[in-house]
Amino acid sequence: FGSRADLCHLPHRGPAAMLLLERDPLVRAGELPRDPSLGDCPGGLPTHAARRDTLFLWVVIVALMHFDRGAASVAAMDIVLNRYEEMEQLSFFYLVALLAWHSIGLALGSMVAGAAFQRASAKMVLVLSLATNAIALFLLGVQAHGLVLTALLRAVSGIAASFPLAYLPLWVDEFSPVQARGRWMAIVQLGTPAGQFLGVFLASIVTFGFKATWRYAVIVQALALIPAMLYLLVMPARQIDVANIASLSARLDSLTLYSSEGSTSIGHLHGLLREVREMLQTVSRNPLTVSISTVLCLLHSTGAGLAIWIGPYLALGDGAPPPLAAVLVSGFTLAAMPLLGTCAGAVLCERWEGFKAGHHAAALRVACAFVGLAALAAPASAVAAGFAARLGVVCLWLFGAGAFLPISVGILMTAMPSYLRSFSAISSVLVFHLVGFALVPGVVAVSMSCFSRSSHGLGFGVGVAFWTTVPAAMLLLLAYTREPKSPAPVGLSGVDDLTFGDISYELARRRMSTSPL
């Protein structure tokens, strides 16, 4: 496909088959300059300066969408150190609810976001989602420690946050210069670690510096969403909305299990479910894709646990600094170590030619080394009692898991046929949110609540999280032994050799809503 005109005239093949074609490096590499006849906004596209202003606003919004995840780490530290006896058995369940139900909301919202953007102005959908998120966060900040209400508010906040996180990659596709698309996507994604660290920083200052509740930081987040929402409201629609509705529908179908044709009949729903089932069956027939997705799910479940427990885990170590310093160190570690691992994994995989088409064995060899390195954190955590030792164990795991991410993206992009790649990606993200961020931490919280002392329950939960990496490493090693060691010929179902730009672009898209990794 050479241009958006070709894309717009493709026959509709259903919500699962009409995939995000512009996500494919083959399609993006062949894209021609934008054709004004395809239905751009009246008066032409926004100027480059206007688009850069909008890009800065998106970075701010992404940071605000992840601010409360950083504040949740401080909440864990405050509750474990100061309020465990007060909340008794509900403490661990309450902390998991702060993250798990937000992830459930993100998963549910991503399934309906596409339908909303197809039927209404993207500008108004985003304004309403920011307003809803601000209300949910404000109510979370002023209510007491109610488990049910907290879970409900976190789910609403997650649903509202899913709309900008689903739309912003599409905005980058439409408005960024073709040669700078990967860079713009990475810039927007930088709001994720920045927002998390700001949440940790402000909540820790409020909680341990001023001896107030961490909820004040969430209230500040809700209030900060108001000027962002107002600025978005006064911004011209042509700087936000994708003008080519046909192209928008084609790209959004891969992000939602909802048809863009507006039919709601039972017959259409049955056909939709049948088509989705067939696509899932096709994806599941690729054992390498299933193995890599399972490993990612296990790593994300560990990362979700560490995002909550890393602060109190470090603070309860021997020789730990004051709580304020410990939580700031944990926030910086969560933001920096996966980034360093990602750079190391991408560079080494490139040196070993793992990003070349058909060279899956080389990529898996590098992946096994890094995931094996992360798995060493499991036995190391059993003997790490001091603050420095525990910090080293956490850094080791975050570095190894972060290094696996670009390698996994390269394998998934070259192991899956082009027309299935986007469907596989969004299916994996849904599983990450429902299983890795919600189900697994919830099960671990049930076990942690059986301990009478918070330190014992915390040590058990962190240990279980680290040991989850061991089966991931074993599964990855099994995938490597099954993979042919000689490069396989690549036909139309594969892609050309991947570049750092391709990996950066795709990785930024996938990481937009899969915090903390």
Protein backbone atom coordinates (compact mmCIF):
# COMPACT_ATOMS: atom_id res chain seq x y z
CA PHE A 1 0.00 0.00 0.00
CA GLY A 2 1.58 3.23 -1.13
CA SER A 3 -0.63 6.00 0.27
CA ARG A 4 -3.57 6.79 2.50
CA ALA A 5 -5.74 6.84 -0.63
CA ASP A 6 -4.97 3.16 -1.15
CA LEU A 7 -5.71 2.51 2.53
CA CYS A 8 -9.04 4.31 2.43
CA HIS A 9 -10.30 2.28 -0.54
CA LEU A 10 -9.54 -1.11 0.99
CA PRO A 11 -12.65 -3.30 1.38
CA HIS A 12 -13.94 -3.59 4.92
CA ARG A 13 -12.98 -7.00 6.29
CA GLY A 14 -14.34 -6.69 9.80
CA PRO A 15 -12.99 -5.25 13.05
CA ALA A 16 -10.38 -7.94 13.53
CA ALA A 17 -9.11 -8.18 9.97
CA MET A 18 -9.02 -4.45 9.12
CA LEU A 19 -5.87 -3.85 11.14
CA LEU A 20 -3.67 -0.92 11.96
CA LEU A 21 -1.79 -1.04 8.67
CA GLU A 22 0.19 2.11 9.29
CA ARG A 23 1.76 0.39 12.28
CA ASP A 24 3.55 -1.97 9.88
CA PRO A 25 7.05 -0.81 8.89
CA LEU A 26 6.38 -2.00 5.33
CA VAL A 27 3.42 0.35 5.02
CA ARG A 28 5.02 3.26 6.87
CA ALA A 29 8.19 2.98 4.80
CA GLY A 30 6.20 3.29 1.61
CA GLU A 31 3.97 6.13 2.69
CA LEU A 32 3.83 9.06 0.29
CA PRO A 33 3.48 12.75 1.29
CA ARG A 34 0.05 13.73 2.52
CA ASP A 35 -2.47 14.33 -0.27
CA PRO A 36 -4.79 17.33 0.37
CA SER A 37 -7.51 15.60 -1.66
CA LEU A 38 -7.94 12.96 1.02
CA GLY A 39 -10.07 15.19 3.17
CA ASP A 40 -7.75 17.18 5.40
CA CYS A 41 -9.07 19.99 7.54
CA PRO A 42 -10.31 23.13 5.83
CA GLY A 43 -7.50 25.57 5.37
CA GLY A 44 -4.84 22.87 5.30
CA LEU A 45 -2.95 21.09 8.02
CA PRO A 46 -1.86 22.96 11.17
CA THR A 47 1.55 24.57 11.01
CA HIS A 48 4.52 22.68 12.38
CA ALA A 49 4.66 25.04 15.37
CA ALA A 50 1.00 24.38 16.17
CA ARG A 51 1.56 20.65 15.96
CA ARG A 52 4.53 20.90 18.30
CA ASP A 53 2.37 22.79 20.81
CA THR A 54 -0.20 20.02 20.61
CA LEU A 55 2.56 17.43 21.02
CA PHE A 56 3.68 19.15 24.23
CA LEU A 57 0.09 19.05 25.50
CA TRP A 58 -0.06 15.30 24.81
CA VAL A 59 3.12 14.74 26.82
CA VAL A 60 1.56 16.61 29.74
CA ILE A 61 -1.66 14.60 29.46
CA VAL A 62 0.17 11.26 29.31
CA ALA A 63 2.18 12.28 32.38
CA LEU A 64 -1.02 13.18 34.24
CA MET A 65 -2.59 9.85 33.24
CA HIS A 66 0.27 8.00 35.00
CA PHE A 67 0.74 10.36 37.95
CA ASP A 68 -1.55 8.37 40.24
CA ARG A 69 0.40 5.16 39.60
CA GLY A 70 3.43 6.81 41.15
CA ALA A 71 1.34 8.07 44.05
CA ALA A 72 0.16 4.47 44.62
CA SER A 73 3.75 3.47 45.46
CA VAL A 74 3.82 6.12 48.19
CA ALA A 75 0.41 4.97 49.41
CA ALA A 76 1.82 1.46 49.80
CA MET A 77 4.68 2.76 51.89
CA ASP A 78 2.43 4.90 54.06
CA ILE A 79 -0.05 2.10 54.71
CA VAL A 80 2.54 -0.62 55.36
CA LEU A 81 4.66 1.54 57.67
CA ASN A 82 2.01 3.62 59.44
CA ARG A 83 -1.50 2.25 58.94
CA TYR A 84 -1.16 -1.54 58.76
CA GLU A 85 -2.64 -2.13 62.20
CA GLU A 86 -5.43 0.36 61.52
CA MET A 87 -6.51 -1.28 58.26
CA GLU A 88 -5.66 -4.86 59.35
CA GLN A 89 -6.28 -7.45 56.62
CA LEU A 90 -7.62 -4.89 54.14
CA SER A 91 -4.31 -3.11 53.64
CA PHE A 92 -2.85 -5.33 50.92
CA PHE A 93 -6.21 -5.64 49.15
CA TYR A 94 -6.57 -1.86 49.23
CA LEU A 95 -3.15 -1.31 47.69
CA VAL A 96 -3.77 -3.84 44.93
CA ALA A 97 -7.09 -2.13 44.22
CA LEU A 98 -5.21 1.10 43.54
CA LEU A 99 -3.43 -0.55 40.61
CA ALA A 100 -5.49 -3.60 39.64
CA TRP A 101 -8.84 -1.89 39.16
CA HIS A 102 -7.20 0.94 37.26
CA SER A 103 -5.75 -1.67 34.87
CA ILE A 104 -9.14 -3.35 34.53
CA GLY A 105 -10.58 0.04 33.60
CA LEU A 106 -7.84 0.55 31.01
CA ALA A 107 -8.63 -2.84 29.46
CA LEU A 108 -12.36 -2.16 29.34
CA GLY A 109 -11.90 1.36 28.02
CA SER A 110 -9.60 0.27 25.20
CA MET A 111 -12.39 -1.98 23.88
CA VAL A 112 -14.84 0.91 23.47
CA ALA A 113 -12.49 3.82 22.77
CA GLY A 114 -12.41 3.12 19.04
CA ALA A 115 -16.19 3.18 18.75
CA ALA A 116 -16.33 6.52 20.58
CA PHE A 117 -13.76 8.18 18.34
CA GLN A 118 -15.51 6.92 15.21
CA ARG A 119 -18.85 8.41 16.25
CA ALA A 120 -17.85 11.71 17.83
CA SER A 121 -15.23 14.41 17.58
CA ALA A 122 -11.95 13.27 19.07
CA LYS A 123 -11.60 16.66 20.74
CA MET A 124 -14.89 16.33 22.63
CA VAL A 125 -14.22 12.68 23.54
CA LEU A 126 -10.86 13.64 25.02
CA VAL A 127 -12.31 16.61 26.91
CA LEU A 128 -15.03 14.43 28.44
CA SER A 129 -12.53 11.71 29.35
CA LEU A 130 -10.25 14.22 31.10
CA ALA A 131 -13.22 15.68 32.99
CA THR A 132 -14.37 12.22 34.07
CA ASN A 133 -10.88 11.29 35.19
CA ALA A 134 -10.54 14.52 37.16
CA ILE A 135 -13.83 13.88 38.99
CA ALA A 136 -12.88 10.27 39.80
CA LEU A 137 -9.46 11.29 41.09
CA PHE A 138 -10.87 14.12 43.20
CA LEU A 139 -13.41 11.78 44.81
CA LEU A 140 -10.62 9.27 45.46
CA GLY A 141 -8.63 11.99 47.18
CA VAL A 142 -11.41 13.08 49.53
CA GLN A 143 -12.99 9.71 50.42
CA ALA A 144 -11.88 7.45 53.29
CA HIS A 145 -10.22 4.04 53.01
CA GLY A 146 -13.25 2.30 51.52
CA LEU A 147 -12.23 -0.75 49.51
CA VAL A 148 -15.33 -1.00 47.29
CA LEU A 149 -15.53 2.73 46.54
CA THR A 150 -11.79 2.84 45.87
CA ALA A 151 -12.04 -0.02 43.39
CA LEU A 152 -14.99 1.65 41.64
CA LEU A 153 -13.26 5.02 41.37
CA ARG A 154 -10.05 3.43 40.11
CA ALA A 155 -11.97 1.52 37.43
CA VAL A 156 -13.69 4.72 36.28
CA SER A 157 -10.35 6.51 36.23
CA GLY A 158 -8.83 3.71 34.16
CA ILE A 159 -11.67 3.77 31.63
CA ALA A 160 -11.32 7.54 31.27
CA ALA A 161 -7.52 7.32 30.93
CA SER A 162 -7.79 4.72 28.16
CA PHE A 163 -9.26 7.22 25.66
CA PRO A 164 -6.24 9.54 25.34
CA LEU A 165 -3.84 6.60 25.57
CA ALA A 166 -5.64 4.91 22.66
CA TYR A 167 -5.95 8.04 20.52
CA LEU A 168 -2.55 9.69 20.90
CA PRO A 169 -0.59 7.10 18.85
CA LEU A 170 -3.09 7.67 16.04
CA TRP A 171 -2.62 11.42 16.33
CA VAL A 172 1.14 10.95 15.96
CA ASP A 173 0.53 8.82 12.86
CA GLU A 174 -1.58 11.57 11.31
CA PHE A 175 0.20 14.79 12.28
CA SER A 176 3.88 13.97 12.71
CA PRO A 177 6.40 14.35 9.87
CA VAL A 178 6.92 10.98 8.22
CA GLN A 179 10.67 11.01 8.82
CA ALA A 180 10.22 11.93 12.51
CA ARG A 181 7.29 9.66 13.40
CA GLY A 182 9.29 7.34 15.64
CA ARG A 183 10.83 10.29 17.48
CA TRP A 184 7.45 11.94 18.07
CA MET A 185 6.00 8.67 19.36
CA ALA A 186 8.91 8.28 21.78
CA ILE A 187 8.46 11.87 22.99
CA VAL A 188 4.79 11.27 23.80
CA GLN A 189 5.64 8.02 25.58
CA LEU A 190 8.20 9.80 27.78
CA GLY A 191 5.24 11.19 29.70
CA THR A 192 4.74 7.72 31.21
CA PRO A 193 7.92 7.50 33.35
CA ALA A 194 7.89 11.26 33.91
CA GLY A 195 4.35 11.14 35.30
CA GLN A 196 5.12 8.17 37.52
CA PHE A 197 8.19 9.83 39.00
CA LEU A 198 6.34 13.12 39.57
CA GLY A 199 3.61 11.18 41.35
CA VAL A 200 6.17 9.51 43.60
CA PHE A 201 7.95 12.81 44.25
CA LEU A 202 4.92 14.92 45.13
CA ALA A 203 3.13 12.22 47.13
CA SER A 204 6.30 11.47 49.13
CA ILE A 205 6.85 15.16 49.91
CA VAL A 206 3.26 15.49 51.09
CA THR A 207 3.25 12.24 53.08
CA PHE A 208 6.69 12.13 54.66
CA GLY A 209 7.75 15.77 54.42
CA PHE A 210 4.56 17.49 55.62
CA LYS A 211 3.16 14.45 57.49
CA ALA A 212 -0.11 14.69 55.56
CA THR A 213 -1.97 12.07 53.55
CA TRP A 214 -0.82 10.97 50.08
CA ARG A 215 -4.37 11.64 48.89
CA TYR A 216 -3.57 15.34 48.65
CA ALA A 217 -1.24 14.49 45.76
CA VAL A 218 -4.14 12.80 43.94
CA ILE A 219 -6.26 15.92 44.51
CA VAL A 220 -3.45 18.01 42.99
CA GLN A 221 -3.49 15.65 39.99
CA ALA A 222 -7.24 16.13 39.60
CA LEU A 223 -6.87 19.89 39.74
CA ALA A 224 -3.97 19.81 37.25
CA LEU A 225 -6.21 18.05 34.75
CA ILE A 226 -8.53 21.08 34.68
CA PRO A 227 -6.16 23.54 32.89
CA ALA A 228 -5.11 20.74 30.52
CA MET A 229 -8.76 20.09 29.74
CA LEU A 230 -9.50 23.80 29.24
CA TYR A 231 -6.48 24.26 26.99
CA LEU A 232 -7.64 21.29 24.95
CA LEU A 233 -11.14 22.76 24.80
CA VAL A 234 -9.98 26.09 23.30
CA MET A 235 -7.54 24.47 20.89
CA PRO A 236 -8.73 24.38 17.25
CA ALA A 237 -10.27 21.05 16.35
CA ARG A 238 -8.10 20.72 13.24
CA GLN A 239 -5.06 20.39 15.52
CA ILE A 240 -6.64 17.39 17.26
CA ASP A 241 -9.13 15.57 15.05
CA VAL A 242 -8.02 13.20 12.33
CA ALA A 243 -9.71 14.62 9.24
CA ASN A 244 -9.76 11.47 7.14
CA ILE A 245 -12.57 9.52 8.80
CA ALA A 246 -12.16 6.50 6.53
CA SER A 247 -8.51 6.19 7.45
CA LEU A 248 -9.35 6.76 11.12
CA SER A 249 -11.91 3.96 11.09
CA ALA A 250 -9.44 1.58 9.48
CA ARG A 251 -6.82 2.30 12.09
CA LEU A 252 -9.15 2.25 15.08
CA ASP A 253 -10.69 -1.12 14.22
CA SER A 254 -7.56 -2.79 15.49
CA LEU A 255 -7.99 -1.09 18.86
CA THR A 256 -11.56 -2.10 19.63
CA LEU A 257 -13.74 -5.17 19.29
CA TYR A 258 -16.49 -3.06 17.73
CA SER A 259 -17.46 -2.66 14.10
CA SER A 260 -17.09 0.74 12.49
CA GLU A 261 -20.18 0.23 10.34
CA GLY A 262 -22.62 0.92 13.16
CA SER A 263 -24.56 -2.35 13.02
CA THR A 264 -25.74 -3.63 16.38
CA SER A 265 -27.80 -6.60 15.28
CA ILE A 266 -27.40 -10.02 16.86
CA GLY A 267 -26.34 -11.44 13.51
CA HIS A 268 -23.55 -8.91 13.17
CA LEU A 269 -22.42 -9.54 16.76
CA HIS A 270 -22.30 -13.26 16.06
CA GLY A 271 -20.21 -12.66 12.95
CA LEU A 272 -17.93 -10.35 14.90
CA LEU A 273 -17.31 -12.94 17.61
CA ARG A 274 -16.73 -15.64 15.01
CA GLU A 275 -14.17 -13.50 13.20
CA VAL A 276 -12.38 -12.63 16.44
CA ARG A 277 -12.30 -16.32 17.40
CA GLU A 278 -10.78 -17.22 14.04
CA MET A 279 -8.14 -14.52 14.44
CA LEU A 280 -7.27 -15.76 17.93
CA GLN A 281 -6.98 -19.30 16.65
CA THR A 282 -4.65 -18.15 13.90
CA VAL A 283 -2.48 -16.22 16.36
CA SER A 284 -2.37 -19.17 18.78
CA ARG A 285 -1.00 -21.45 16.04
CA ASN A 286 2.27 -19.53 16.16
CA PRO A 287 4.12 -21.09 19.15
CA LEU A 288 6.84 -18.43 19.18
CA THR A 289 4.30 -15.61 19.46
CA VAL A 290 2.46 -17.43 22.25
CA SER A 291 5.73 -18.02 24.15
CA ILE A 292 6.91 -14.42 23.89
CA SER A 293 3.48 -13.07 24.89
CA THR A 294 3.36 -15.40 27.90
CA VAL A 295 6.83 -14.33 29.01
CA LEU A 296 5.80 -10.68 28.70
CA CYS A 297 2.68 -11.33 30.77
CA LEU A 298 4.74 -12.94 33.56
CA LEU A 299 7.24 -10.08 33.53
CA HIS A 300 4.48 -7.48 33.61
CA SER A 301 2.89 -9.21 36.62
CA THR A 302 6.20 -8.94 38.47
CA GLY A 303 6.59 -5.33 37.40
CA ALA A 304 3.09 -4.53 38.65
CA GLY A 305 3.93 -5.99 42.04
CA LEU A 306 7.20 -4.09 42.29
CA ALA A 307 5.45 -0.84 41.35
CA ILE A 308 3.41 -1.18 44.54
CA TRP A 309 5.81 -2.86 46.96
CA ILE A 310 9.23 -1.46 46.04
CA GLY A 311 8.96 1.53 48.39
CA PRO A 312 8.13 -0.33 51.63
CA TYR A 313 10.36 -3.25 50.55
CA LEU A 314 13.38 -0.93 50.48
CA ALA A 315 12.33 1.06 53.54
CA LEU A 316 12.12 -2.08 55.71
CA GLY A 317 15.65 -3.18 54.76
CA ASP A 318 18.50 -2.97 57.28
CA GLY A 319 20.26 0.37 57.20
CA ALA A 320 17.50 2.02 55.17
CA PRO A 321 17.45 5.84 54.94
CA PRO A 322 14.41 7.84 56.11
CA PRO A 323 11.15 6.97 54.36
CA LEU A 324 11.24 10.10 52.20
CA ALA A 325 14.66 9.23 50.77
CA ALA A 326 13.73 5.56 50.35
CA VAL A 327 10.59 6.31 48.34
CA LEU A 328 12.40 8.83 46.13
CA VAL A 329 15.10 6.26 45.40
CA SER A 330 12.42 3.70 44.54
CA GLY A 331 10.68 6.16 42.19
CA PHE A 332 13.90 7.00 40.38
CA THR A 333 14.77 3.31 40.11
CA LEU A 334 11.40 2.48 38.57
CA ALA A 335 11.85 5.23 35.97
CA ALA A 336 15.54 4.80 35.11
CA MET A 337 16.44 1.10 35.22
CA PRO A 338 13.93 -0.17 32.59
CA LEU A 339 15.13 2.65 30.30
CA LEU A 340 18.76 1.61 30.69
CA GLY A 341 17.82 -2.02 30.11
CA THR A 342 15.87 -1.11 26.98
CA CYS A 343 18.89 0.66 25.48
CA ALA A 344 21.21 -2.23 26.35
CA GLY A 345 18.84 -4.86 24.98
CA ALA A 346 18.31 -3.00 21.70
CA VAL A 347 22.04 -2.40 21.14
CA LEU A 348 23.10 -5.99 21.89
CA CYS A 349 20.29 -7.48 19.83
CA GLU A 350 21.32 -5.28 16.92
CA ARG A 351 24.96 -6.34 17.31
CA TRP A 352 23.91 -10.01 17.22
CA GLU A 353 21.75 -9.31 14.14
CA GLY A 354 18.61 -10.26 16.06
CA PHE A 355 16.53 -7.57 14.34
CA LYS A 356 17.12 -9.04 10.90
CA ALA A 357 14.20 -10.84 9.31
CA GLY A 358 14.31 -14.57 10.04
CA HIS A 359 17.06 -14.29 12.69
CA HIS A 360 14.81 -15.28 15.59
CA ALA A 361 17.38 -17.62 17.12
CA ALA A 362 19.88 -14.77 17.52
CA ALA A 363 17.25 -12.55 19.14
CA LEU A 364 16.13 -15.36 21.46
CA ARG A 365 19.73 -15.99 22.50
CA VAL A 366 20.10 -12.39 23.67
CA ALA A 367 16.64 -12.48 25.26
CA CYS A 368 17.49 -15.62 27.25
CA ALA A 369 20.58 -13.91 28.65
CA PHE A 370 18.68 -10.86 29.88
CA VAL A 371 15.65 -12.72 31.25
CA GLY A 372 18.01 -15.18 32.92
CA LEU A 373 19.75 -12.20 34.49
CA ALA A 374 16.38 -10.96 35.78
CA ALA A 375 15.58 -14.44 37.12
CA LEU A 376 18.69 -14.28 39.32
CA ALA A 377 16.81 -11.72 41.40
CA ALA A 378 14.59 -14.51 42.75
CA PRO A 379 17.23 -16.42 44.76
CA ALA A 380 19.07 -13.17 45.53
CA SER A 381 15.95 -11.71 47.14
CA ALA A 382 15.88 -14.57 49.65
CA VAL A 383 19.19 -13.47 51.20
CA ALA A 384 18.96 -9.70 50.62
CA ALA A 385 18.19 -8.11 53.99
CA GLY A 386 19.87 -4.71 53.76
CA PHE A 387 18.73 -1.62 51.89
CA ALA A 388 21.65 -1.65 49.44
CA ALA A 389 21.27 -5.37 48.73
CA ARG A 390 17.53 -5.06 48.12
CA LEU A 391 18.07 -2.05 45.88
CA GLY A 392 20.60 -4.05 43.88
CA VAL A 393 18.16 -6.94 43.47
CA VAL A 394 15.41 -4.60 42.24
CA CYS A 395 17.78 -2.85 39.82
CA LEU A 396 18.93 -6.21 38.49
CA TRP A 397 15.40 -7.33 37.75
CA LEU A 398 14.25 -4.03 36.21
CA PHE A 399 17.33 -3.88 33.99
CA GLY A 400 16.92 -7.45 32.71
CA ALA A 401 13.17 -7.10 32.15
CA GLY A 402 13.58 -3.75 30.42
CA ALA A 403 16.22 -5.21 28.09
CA PHE A 404 13.79 -7.92 26.99
CA LEU A 405 11.19 -5.42 25.78
CA PRO A 406 12.80 -4.23 22.50
CA ILE A 407 13.88 -7.78 21.71
CA SER A 408 10.35 -9.08 22.21
CA VAL A 409 8.96 -6.33 19.98
CA GLY A 410 11.38 -7.27 17.22
CA ILE A 411 10.47 -10.95 17.46
CA LEU A 412 6.74 -10.29 17.48
CA MET A 413 6.99 -7.93 14.51
CA THR A 414 8.88 -10.47 12.38
CA ALA A 415 7.22 -13.70 13.58
CA MET A 416 3.65 -12.61 12.86
CA PRO A 417 2.11 -11.98 9.42
CA SER A 418 1.50 -8.32 8.75
CA TYR A 419 -2.28 -8.58 8.77
CA LEU A 420 -2.24 -10.25 12.23
CA ARG A 421 0.42 -8.14 13.90
CA SER A 422 -1.79 -5.35 15.22
CA PHE A 423 -4.53 -7.70 16.41
CA SER A 424 -1.90 -9.73 18.28
CA ALA A 425 -0.52 -6.56 19.89
CA ILE A 426 -3.84 -5.27 21.23
CA SER A 427 -4.85 -8.76 22.41
CA SER A 428 -1.60 -9.00 24.36
CA VAL A 429 -2.15 -5.59 25.97
CA LEU A 430 -5.61 -6.63 27.16
CA VAL A 431 -4.14 -9.80 28.69
CA PHE A 432 -1.39 -7.78 30.38
CA HIS A 433 -3.94 -5.53 32.06
CA LEU A 434 -6.39 -8.22 33.10
CA VAL A 435 -3.93 -10.94 34.11
CA GLY A 436 -0.57 -9.30 34.76
CA PHE A 437 -1.79 -6.12 36.45
CA ALA A 438 -5.00 -7.33 38.09
CA LEU A 439 -5.39 -11.09 38.58
CA VAL A 440 -1.83 -12.06 39.62
CA PRO A 441 -1.31 -9.16 42.09
CA GLY A 442 -4.77 -9.87 43.52
CA VAL A 443 -3.94 -13.52 44.15
CA VAL A 444 -0.64 -12.55 45.76
CA ALA A 445 -2.44 -10.02 47.98
CA VAL A 446 -4.68 -12.80 49.29
CA SER A 447 -1.58 -14.69 50.44
CA MET A 448 0.07 -11.59 51.89
CA SER A 449 -2.98 -10.80 54.02
CA CYS A 450 -2.53 -14.11 55.90
CA PHE A 451 0.56 -12.78 57.70
CA SER A 452 0.13 -10.97 61.01
CA ARG A 453 3.11 -8.66 60.46
CA SER A 454 3.32 -6.39 57.45
CA SER A 455 7.04 -7.02 56.97
CA HIS A 456 6.50 -10.78 56.70
CA GLY A 457 3.64 -10.43 54.25
CA LEU A 458 5.60 -7.90 52.23
CA GLY A 459 8.66 -10.13 52.02
CA PHE A 460 6.52 -13.05 50.87
CA GLY A 461 4.76 -10.99 48.19
CA VAL A 462 7.97 -9.54 46.77
CA GLY A 463 9.57 -13.00 46.77
CA VAL A 464 6.64 -14.47 44.84
CA ALA A 465 6.88 -11.62 42.34
CA PHE A 466 10.58 -12.28 41.74
CA TRP A 467 10.13 -16.05 41.45
CA THR A 468 7.50 -15.51 38.76
CA THR A 469 10.41 -14.64 36.47
CA VAL A 470 11.89 -18.14 36.75
CA PRO A 471 9.15 -19.91 34.71
CA ALA A 472 9.36 -17.03 32.23
CA ALA A 473 13.08 -17.71 31.75
CA MET A 474 12.44 -21.44 31.38
CA LEU A 475 9.71 -20.87 28.80
CA LEU A 476 11.96 -18.54 26.83
CA LEU A 477 14.78 -21.11 26.91
CA LEU A 478 12.36 -23.74 25.61
CA ALA A 479 11.36 -21.42 22.76
CA TYR A 480 15.04 -20.96 21.89
CA THR A 481 15.70 -24.72 21.77
CA ARG A 482 12.74 -25.18 19.40
CA GLU A 483 13.73 -22.35 17.08
CA PRO A 484 15.80 -23.27 13.99
CA LYS A 485 19.32 -21.95 14.43
CA SER A 486 19.83 -21.05 10.77
CA PRO A 487 18.07 -17.93 9.42
CA ALA A 488 14.73 -18.85 7.90
CA PRO A 489 13.68 -17.46 4.51
CA VAL A 490 11.11 -14.71 4.88
CA GLY A 491 8.24 -14.31 2.44
CA LEU A 492 5.34 -11.93 2.25
CA SER A 493 4.24 -12.76 5.80
CA GLY A 494 7.37 -11.26 7.31
CA VAL A 495 9.10 -7.87 7.16
CA ASP A 496 12.44 -6.51 6.07
CA ASP A 497 15.28 -6.01 8.51
CA LEU A 498 14.08 -3.79 11.36
CA THR A 499 15.80 -0.53 12.22
CA PHE A 500 16.06 1.26 15.54
CA GLY A 501 13.39 3.64 14.27
CA ASP A 502 10.98 0.76 13.66
CA ILE A 503 11.66 -0.73 17.10
CA SER A 504 11.41 2.64 18.85
CA TYR A 505 8.13 3.45 17.12
CA GLU A 506 6.47 0.13 17.92
CA LEU A 507 7.85 -0.10 21.46
CA ALA A 508 6.61 3.40 22.29
CA ARG A 509 3.11 2.49 21.09
CA ARG A 510 3.03 -0.66 23.19
CA ARG A 511 4.43 0.98 26.32
CA MET A 512 1.96 3.86 26.32
CA SER A 513 -0.45 2.13 28.72
CA THR A 514 1.61 -0.80 30.07
CA SER A 515 3.29 1.02 32.93
CA PRO A 516 5.57 0.32 34.85
CA LEU A 517 7.70 -1.42 32.20
